[in-house]
Protein backbone atom coordinates (compact mmCIF):
# COMPACT_ATOMS: atom_id res chain seq x y z
CA MET A 1 0.03 -0.02 -0.01
CA GLY A 2 1.40 3.42 -1.01
CA PHE A 3 1.27 5.00 2.38
CA LEU A 4 3.16 2.23 4.15
CA LYS A 5 6.19 4.26 3.40
CA LEU A 6 5.25 6.32 6.32
CA VAL A 7 6.65 3.65 8.58
CA PHE A 8 10.19 4.61 7.58
CA ARG A 9 9.88 8.30 8.06
CA LYS A 10 10.96 10.13 11.20
CA TRP A 11 8.40 9.88 13.94
CA ARG A 12 7.26 13.46 14.92
CA MET A 13 4.23 14.47 16.79
CA ASN A 14 2.21 15.80 13.84
CA TYR A 15 -0.54 14.55 11.66
CA LYS A 16 1.64 12.06 9.92
CA VAL A 17 1.97 10.06 13.10
CA PHE A 18 -1.76 9.67 13.01
CA PHE A 19 -1.46 7.67 9.74
CA LEU A 20 1.38 5.64 11.15
CA ILE A 21 -0.92 4.62 13.96
CA LEU A 22 -3.68 3.92 11.46
CA ILE A 23 -1.31 1.54 9.60
CA ILE A 24 -0.23 -0.17 12.83
CA PHE A 25 -3.89 -0.58 13.80
CA SER A 26 -4.85 -2.02 10.41
CA PHE A 27 -2.87 -5.08 11.04
CA LEU A 28 -4.17 -5.68 14.60
CA PRO A 29 -7.07 -8.11 15.21
CA LEU A 30 -10.53 -6.60 15.04
CA ASN A 31 -12.36 -6.16 18.38
CA ILE A 32 -15.90 -5.73 17.16
CA HIS A 33 -19.06 -7.21 18.58
CA SER A 34 -21.80 -6.95 15.93
CA GLU A 35 -24.64 -8.80 17.80
CA LYS A 36 -25.09 -6.20 20.58
CA ASN A 37 -24.54 -2.63 19.37
CA THR A 38 -26.05 0.23 21.38
CA ASN A 39 -25.20 3.91 21.40
CA LEU A 40 -21.98 3.64 23.43
CA PHE A 41 -18.93 5.82 23.09
CA PRO A 42 -16.18 4.04 21.19
CA GLU A 43 -13.46 2.71 23.44
CA ASN A 44 -10.88 3.16 20.71
CA PRO A 45 -11.84 5.62 17.93
CA LEU A 46 -9.02 4.39 15.69
CA GLU A 47 -10.56 0.87 15.58
CA GLY A 48 -12.42 2.04 12.48
CA SER A 49 -9.09 2.70 10.64
CA LYS A 50 -8.79 -1.03 10.21
CA ILE A 51 -12.26 -1.24 8.64
CA PHE A 52 -11.26 1.75 6.36
CA VAL A 53 -8.40 -0.35 5.05
CA ILE A 54 -9.93 -3.89 5.05
CA LYS A 55 -13.11 -2.89 3.36
CA GLY A 56 -11.37 -1.02 0.64
CA CYS A 57 -12.50 2.45 1.44
CA VAL A 58 -8.77 3.56 1.13
CA LYS A 59 -8.81 2.53 -2.54
CA CYS A 60 -11.07 5.51 -3.29
CA HIS A 61 -10.63 7.85 -0.47
CA ALA A 62 -7.41 9.39 0.92
CA ILE A 63 -6.89 10.61 4.46
CA LYS A 64 -4.94 13.82 4.12
CA GLY A 65 -3.27 12.83 0.93
CA GLU A 66 -2.68 9.06 1.73
CA GLY A 67 -4.85 6.75 -0.13
CA GLY A 68 -6.95 6.88 -3.38
CA ASN A 69 -8.05 9.88 -5.28
CA ILE A 70 -11.28 8.65 -6.89
CA GLY A 71 -13.37 10.14 -4.13
CA ALA A 72 -13.02 13.04 -1.73
CA ASP A 73 -10.00 13.18 0.65
CA LEU A 74 -11.88 12.64 3.89
CA GLY A 75 -9.03 13.95 6.01
CA LYS A 76 -9.85 17.35 4.51
CA VAL A 77 -13.45 17.16 5.46
CA THR A 78 -14.53 18.24 8.93
CA PHE A 79 -17.26 15.78 10.24
CA LYS A 80 -19.23 17.62 12.95
CA ASP A 81 -22.51 15.93 12.26
CA THR A 82 -24.13 13.33 14.39
CA LEU A 83 -23.89 9.57 13.68
CA LEU A 84 -27.21 9.61 11.70
CA ASP A 85 -26.38 12.73 9.86
CA MET A 86 -23.05 11.10 8.73
CA ALA A 87 -25.01 8.07 7.71
CA GLY A 88 -27.27 10.37 5.69
CA ILE A 89 -24.19 11.86 3.95
CA MET A 90 -23.01 8.34 2.97
CA TRP A 91 -26.47 7.48 1.64
CA ASN A 92 -26.64 10.66 -0.37
CA HIS A 93 -23.38 9.95 -2.07
CA PHE A 94 -24.18 6.18 -2.67
CA PRO A 95 -25.20 6.53 -6.37
CA PHE A 96 -21.82 8.20 -7.26
CA MET A 97 -19.77 5.79 -5.19
CA SER A 98 -21.64 2.89 -6.77
CA GLU A 99 -20.97 4.09 -10.27
CA LYS A 100 -17.33 4.66 -9.73
CA MET A 101 -16.82 1.30 -7.86
CA GLU A 102 -18.44 -0.50 -10.96
CA GLU A 103 -16.01 1.41 -13.23
CA GLU A 104 -13.06 0.34 -11.13
CA LYS A 105 -14.46 -3.21 -10.72
CA ILE A 106 -14.41 -2.78 -6.85
CA ASP A 107 -16.87 -4.94 -4.93
CA TRP A 108 -19.45 -3.20 -2.86
CA PRO A 109 -18.36 -3.83 0.80
CA LYS A 110 -20.78 -5.30 3.27
CA PHE A 111 -20.64 -4.37 7.03
CA LEU A 112 -21.61 -5.91 10.35
CA SER A 113 -23.26 -3.28 12.52
CA GLY A 114 -20.12 -3.11 14.85
CA GLU A 115 -17.93 -2.44 11.83
CA MET A 116 -20.13 0.35 10.64
CA ALA A 117 -20.14 1.95 14.04
CA SER A 118 -16.38 1.73 14.18
CA LEU A 119 -15.94 3.21 10.65
CA ILE A 120 -18.31 6.18 11.27
CA GLY A 121 -16.65 6.76 14.75
CA TYR A 122 -13.24 6.80 13.04
CA LEU A 123 -14.29 9.42 10.36
CA TYR A 124 -15.75 11.47 13.15
CA TYR A 125 -12.40 11.34 14.91
CA ILE A 126 -10.03 12.23 12.03
CA ASN A 127 -9.74 15.90 12.92
CA TYR A 128 -9.00 15.22 16.61
CA PHE A 129 -5.29 15.28 15.70
CA ASP A 130 -3.91 18.67 14.67
CA GLU A 131 -1.87 19.32 11.55
CA PRO A 132 1.55 20.78 12.32
CA GLY A 133 1.56 24.20 13.76
CA ASN A 134 3.47 27.13 12.28
CA THR A 135 6.72 27.53 14.18
CA LYS A 136 7.21 31.14 13.15
CA LYS A 137 3.76 32.07 14.40
CA GLY A 138 4.47 30.05 17.52
CA GLU A 139 7.62 31.97 18.21
CA ASN A 140 5.81 35.29 17.97
CA LEU A 141 2.93 33.95 20.22
CA PHE A 142 5.48 32.90 22.80
CA SER A 143 6.44 36.61 23.16
CA VAL A 144 3.13 38.26 22.51
CA LYS A 145 1.20 35.99 24.91
CA GLY A 146 3.74 36.56 27.68
CA CYS A 147 5.01 33.08 27.95
CA ALA A 148 8.62 34.31 27.62
CA GLN A 149 8.18 36.29 30.92
CA CYS A 150 7.98 33.06 32.92
CA HIS A 151 9.51 30.36 30.74
CA GLY A 152 12.92 30.29 29.16
CA ILE A 153 13.91 28.81 25.85
CA GLU A 154 17.66 28.35 25.15
CA LYS A 155 18.58 30.64 28.02
CA LYS A 156 16.13 33.34 26.84
CA GLY A 157 13.07 34.47 28.76
CA GLY A 158 12.02 34.46 32.31
CA LYS A 159 12.70 32.02 35.29
CA PRO A 160 9.65 31.63 37.58
CA GLY A 161 8.50 28.67 35.42
CA PRO A 162 10.51 25.73 34.16
CA SER A 163 12.72 26.09 31.06
CA LEU A 164 10.74 24.72 28.10
CA SER A 165 13.93 23.76 26.43
CA LYS A 166 14.03 20.75 28.64
CA PHE A 167 11.01 19.32 26.91
CA LYS A 168 11.48 16.36 24.51
CA ARG A 169 11.11 17.30 20.89
CA ASP A 170 8.49 14.82 20.28
CA TYR A 171 6.28 15.46 23.37
CA SER A 172 2.57 14.90 22.89
CA PRO A 173 0.05 17.91 22.95
CA ILE A 174 -1.60 15.97 25.73
CA PHE A 175 1.46 16.63 27.83
CA MET A 176 0.98 20.42 27.35
CA ALA A 177 -2.64 20.23 28.14
CA GLN A 178 -2.04 18.22 31.28
CA ALA A 179 0.76 20.45 32.53
CA MET A 180 -1.19 23.55 31.97
CA TRP A 181 -4.18 22.20 33.75
CA ASN A 182 -2.31 20.59 36.71
CA HIS A 183 -0.13 23.56 37.30
CA GLY A 184 -2.86 26.08 36.63
CA SER A 185 -2.97 27.50 40.21
CA GLU A 186 0.87 27.99 40.36
CA MET A 187 0.87 29.63 37.00
CA GLU A 188 -2.12 31.94 38.03
CA ALA A 189 -0.34 33.01 41.15
CA SER A 190 2.98 33.78 39.30
CA MET A 191 1.11 35.81 36.63
CA LYS A 192 -0.63 37.89 39.27
CA LYS A 193 2.66 38.39 41.22
CA LEU A 194 4.39 39.69 38.06
CA GLY A 195 1.38 41.68 36.79
CA ILE A 196 1.08 39.53 33.72
CA LYS A 197 -2.22 39.52 31.90
CA ARG A 198 -3.39 35.94 31.45
CA PRO A 199 -3.29 35.04 27.76
CA GLN A 200 -6.19 33.65 25.84
CA PHE A 201 -5.61 31.12 23.04
CA ASN A 202 -7.88 30.88 20.00
CA ASP A 203 -8.24 28.58 16.92
CA LYS A 204 -4.76 27.16 15.99
CA GLU A 205 -2.68 29.36 18.28
CA MET A 206 -2.06 26.49 20.76
CA ALA A 207 -0.88 24.18 17.98
CA ASP A 208 1.52 27.00 16.66
CA LEU A 209 2.81 27.58 20.16
CA SER A 210 3.42 23.84 20.67
CA ALA A 211 5.17 23.51 17.36
CA TYR A 212 7.61 26.29 18.30
CA ILE A 213 8.35 24.73 21.72
CA ARG A 214 8.96 21.35 20.06
CA LYS A 215 11.32 22.96 17.56
CA GLU A 216 13.42 24.61 20.38
CA ALA A 217 13.21 21.62 22.86
CA ARG A 218 16.42 19.91 23.65
CA GLY A 219 15.36 17.30 26.19
CA GLU A 220 16.40 13.60 25.95
CA LYS A 221 14.17 11.57 23.72
CA LYS A 222 12.86 8.60 25.33
CA GLY A 223 10.29 6.22 23.89
CA TYR A 224 7.93 7.20 21.15
CA GLY A 225 6.81 10.74 20.45
CA PHE A 226 3.20 9.89 19.43
CA MET A 227 0.21 9.24 21.65
CA LEU A 228 -2.45 6.66 21.40
CA PRO A 229 -6.03 7.93 21.18
CA GLY A 230 -8.07 8.83 24.21
CA ASN A 231 -10.86 6.54 25.22
CA PRO A 232 -14.13 8.51 25.21
CA LYS A 233 -15.90 5.72 27.19
CA GLU A 234 -13.39 6.04 29.99
CA GLY A 235 -13.42 9.78 29.63
CA LYS A 236 -17.12 9.74 30.44
CA GLN A 237 -16.40 7.86 33.63
CA LEU A 238 -13.67 10.28 34.53
CA PHE A 239 -15.97 13.19 33.97
CA ASN A 240 -18.04 11.90 36.86
CA LYS A 241 -15.15 10.59 38.97
CA LYS A 242 -13.20 13.92 38.89
CA GLY A 243 -16.24 15.90 39.78
CA CYS A 244 -16.72 17.72 36.48
CA ILE A 245 -20.27 16.68 36.51
CA HIS A 246 -20.96 18.69 39.69
CA CYS A 247 -20.60 21.91 37.85
CA HIS A 248 -21.15 20.98 34.15
CA ALA A 249 -24.30 19.12 32.95
CA ILE A 250 -24.28 16.97 29.81
CA SER A 251 -27.53 17.57 27.95
CA ASN A 252 -29.39 18.59 31.18
CA GLU A 253 -27.93 15.86 33.33
CA GLY A 254 -25.56 17.17 35.97
CA GLY A 255 -24.72 20.62 37.69
CA ASN A 256 -25.76 24.05 36.49
CA ILE A 257 -22.92 26.14 37.90
CA GLY A 258 -20.96 26.06 34.54
CA PRO A 259 -22.35 25.71 31.04
CA ASP A 260 -24.10 22.59 29.81
CA LEU A 261 -21.35 20.98 27.74
CA GLY A 262 -23.83 18.87 25.84
CA LYS A 263 -25.25 21.95 24.47
CA LYS A 264 -21.75 23.20 23.44
CA ALA A 265 -20.84 19.91 21.63
CA GLU A 266 -20.13 21.65 18.31
CA GLU A 267 -17.76 24.12 20.05
CA LEU A 268 -15.86 21.17 21.68
CA HIS A 269 -15.73 19.19 18.41
CA ARG A 270 -12.13 20.58 17.76
CA SER A 271 -8.60 19.27 17.53
CA LEU A 272 -6.86 18.29 20.67
CA ASN A 273 -4.86 21.54 20.87
CA GLU A 274 -7.96 23.78 20.38
CA VAL A 275 -9.79 21.96 23.18
CA ALA A 276 -6.67 22.36 25.38
CA GLY A 277 -6.81 26.12 24.63
CA ILE A 278 -10.50 26.31 25.54
CA MET A 279 -9.76 24.58 28.87
CA TRP A 280 -7.02 27.06 29.53
CA ASN A 281 -9.08 30.05 28.70
CA HIS A 282 -11.84 28.94 31.16
CA TRP A 283 -9.50 27.72 33.80
CA PRO A 284 -9.59 30.85 36.14
CA ASN A 285 -13.43 30.90 36.40
CA MET A 286 -13.63 27.16 37.00
CA TYR A 287 -10.81 27.37 39.63
CA ARG A 288 -12.53 30.33 41.44
CA LYS A 289 -15.83 28.33 41.55
CA MET A 290 -14.12 25.25 42.78
CA ILE A 291 -12.41 27.12 45.64
CA GLU A 292 -15.60 28.91 46.49
CA MET A 293 -17.47 25.52 46.69
CA ARG A 294 -14.58 23.83 48.51
CA ILE A 295 -14.30 21.35 45.62
CA GLU A 296 -10.83 19.83 45.34
CA VAL A 297 -9.15 20.87 42.08
CA PRO A 298 -8.71 17.54 40.16
CA SER A 299 -5.38 16.72 38.51
CA PHE A 300 -5.02 14.41 35.52
CA SER A 301 -2.48 11.98 34.29
CA ASP A 302 -1.58 12.06 30.62
CA LYS A 303 -4.05 9.20 29.74
CA GLU A 304 -6.78 10.73 31.87
CA MET A 305 -6.40 13.99 29.99
CA ALA A 306 -6.46 12.20 26.63
CA ASP A 307 -9.64 10.35 27.76
CA ILE A 308 -11.40 13.46 29.01
CA ILE A 309 -10.68 15.45 25.81
CA ALA A 310 -11.78 12.58 23.65
CA TYR A 311 -15.03 12.39 25.51
CA LEU A 312 -15.72 16.07 25.10
CA TYR A 313 -14.88 15.70 21.42
CA PHE A 314 -17.50 12.97 21.04
CA LEU A 315 -20.37 14.83 22.84
CA GLY A 316 -22.15 15.69 19.55
CA TYR A 317 -21.74 12.21 18.14
CA PHE A 318 -25.19 10.87 19.19
CA ASP A 319 -28.43 12.16 17.85
CA GLU A 320 -31.09 13.93 19.66
CA LYS A 321 -34.57 12.28 19.63
CA GLY A 322 -36.08 12.83 16.22
CA ASP A 323 -39.56 14.36 15.37
CA MET A 324 -42.06 11.65 14.64
CA LYS A 325 -44.37 13.96 12.65
CA LYS A 326 -41.56 15.23 10.55
CA GLY A 327 -40.42 11.64 10.03
CA SER A 328 -43.81 10.66 8.69
CA ILE A 329 -43.68 13.50 6.09
CA ILE A 330 -40.18 12.44 5.11
CA PHE A 331 -41.28 8.91 4.68
CA ASN A 332 -43.83 10.01 2.18
CA GLU A 333 -41.83 12.80 0.41
CA LYS A 334 -38.63 10.88 0.01
CA GLY A 335 -40.56 8.11 -1.66
CA CYS A 336 -39.94 5.51 1.00
CA ILE A 337 -43.55 4.68 1.03
CA LYS A 338 -43.43 3.52 -2.59
CA CYS A 339 -41.55 0.43 -1.64
CA HIS A 340 -42.34 0.10 2.07
CA PHE A 341 -46.19 0.76 2.09
CA PHE A 342 -48.43 -0.47 4.82
CA ASP A 343 -51.88 -0.70 3.26
CA GLY A 344 -52.21 -4.45 2.95
CA LYS A 345 -50.51 -4.70 -0.40
CA GLN A 346 -47.47 -6.88 -1.02
CA MET A 347 -44.41 -4.76 -0.23
CA ILE A 348 -41.37 -4.45 -2.56
CA GLY A 349 -39.12 -3.76 0.46
CA PRO A 350 -38.99 -5.18 3.91
CA ASP A 351 -41.77 -4.40 6.43
CA LEU A 352 -40.25 -1.54 8.41
CA ARG A 353 -42.87 -1.83 11.08
CA LYS A 354 -40.69 -4.64 12.47
CA LEU A 355 -38.40 -1.88 13.80
CA SER A 356 -38.62 -1.49 17.52
CA ASN A 357 -37.32 0.83 20.21
CA THR A 358 -34.65 -1.85 20.90
CA THR A 359 -33.15 -1.59 17.42
CA SER A 360 -30.16 0.65 17.40
CA SER A 361 -29.68 3.41 14.88
CA ILE A 362 -26.46 1.93 13.59
CA GLU A 363 -28.13 -1.42 12.88
CA VAL A 364 -30.66 0.28 10.56
CA VAL A 365 -27.90 2.33 8.90
CA THR A 366 -25.97 -0.91 8.32
CA GLU A 367 -28.88 -2.55 6.71
CA MET A 368 -29.43 0.53 4.52
CA TRP A 369 -25.88 0.42 3.33
CA ASN A 370 -25.77 -3.32 2.76
CA HIS A 371 -28.85 -3.34 0.67
CA ALA A 372 -28.25 -0.05 -1.12
CA SER A 373 -27.18 -1.68 -4.40
CA LYS A 374 -30.54 -3.70 -4.46
CA MET A 375 -32.48 -0.59 -3.72
CA LYS A 376 -30.69 1.43 -6.41
CA ASN A 377 -31.50 -1.16 -8.99
CA LYS A 378 -35.15 -1.46 -8.06
CA MET A 379 -35.59 2.28 -7.81
CA ALA A 380 -34.12 2.60 -11.30
CA GLU A 381 -36.54 -0.10 -12.47
CA LEU A 382 -39.48 1.78 -10.91
CA LYS A 383 -38.22 5.19 -11.99
CA ILE A 384 -37.93 6.46 -8.41
CA GLN A 385 -35.50 9.19 -7.74
CA TRP A 386 -32.76 8.42 -5.26
CA PRO A 387 -33.77 10.33 -2.00
CA LYS A 388 -31.29 12.62 -0.30
CA PHE A 389 -31.41 13.54 3.38
CA LYS A 390 -30.67 16.82 5.00
CA LYS A 391 -29.27 17.33 8.60
CA GLY A 392 -31.66 15.86 11.09
CA GLU A 393 -33.93 14.11 8.56
CA VAL A 394 -32.58 10.55 9.21
CA ALA A 395 -33.18 10.97 12.94
CA ASP A 396 -36.73 12.18 12.31
CA LEU A 397 -37.32 9.18 9.96
CA MET A 398 -35.93 6.72 12.51
CA GLN A 399 -38.25 8.07 15.15
CA TYR A 400 -41.27 7.75 12.99
CA LEU A 401 -40.33 4.11 11.91
CA ARG A 402 -39.94 3.19 15.66
CA SER A 403 -43.39 4.46 16.39
CA LEU A 404 -45.08 2.01 13.98
CA LYS A 405 -46.64 -1.15 15.10
CA LYS A 406 -47.33 -4.20 12.95
């Protein structure tokens, strides 16, 4: 495979490491359970990278330049939609994909529901890893944001804080996020003492700053410079264990002192460095509230920080409950009723009334995908236009189908 050459490149903590991890994972055994598939956070979001390779998706789609060029480069697409919205996007593009795969004589892949869940979770996760920051911008930020007043680099800068030259060149961004959080109170005290205005970091600034620090770092290199992905499932448990839930609700479940993070899911669906920047920006307010409420300020290990950030990243992954009435309209307007009618006549397609509340969304999505080629042929025969779904419509349709009784 063309992108196996990455194995022989120098390992740096940038987006290329992500694809190295993808390759490594593609040769590991699958850990997918297809029989029971509920809406759970993925334990390993990179599990789907193996599916991406094994099922041949990589033959048509690249991930940031590595892979095929028949379809879109999925590494350059930001997936911020929910699981069902992403399934809708895949459905919308089926006719084009089918046509191209027939031209290239590529077999249409079939999925188990666990495989489909892993694949969609992986695509959702792709932009979690930052592309390399700009070292020149980072150098300017180091000065403009006041970092140089406390931290030295190559004998330049202040001394209250540790010299950042001691860092390893290939340190993980998780290390920076963890250090900035765990030492937040000390840094806050030093800035107040020196009259330094606390800096705010926006967009890619944290990635640029991190790139500059890695460039100037002279610390001994031990072990590998990449990180394995955070575990969103364990991150959810940590969110409760560390007491975050006391102040922050997740979709109305939890405290109300801080903002409901479930309602800020889109804002938190950003790269690792961007989320770290958001946490830094809001740290003073969080710290004051914790002191006021006599809540112990939690500290995080590097793995715990990775898990928490991965959990926050996945908050918008699952769909809100759809609208049954809208779903009924969609069922008719999109032409579903032409094959799946319920008026006593023989149905062309399966009886969708068999769906129940226990049927997971991903199981339905998997069935739609696996039978898409048959549906396409039948719709062409009946001269039915291939339906396309907008954001939220698949969730509405699912809610309507679940309401039906046979």
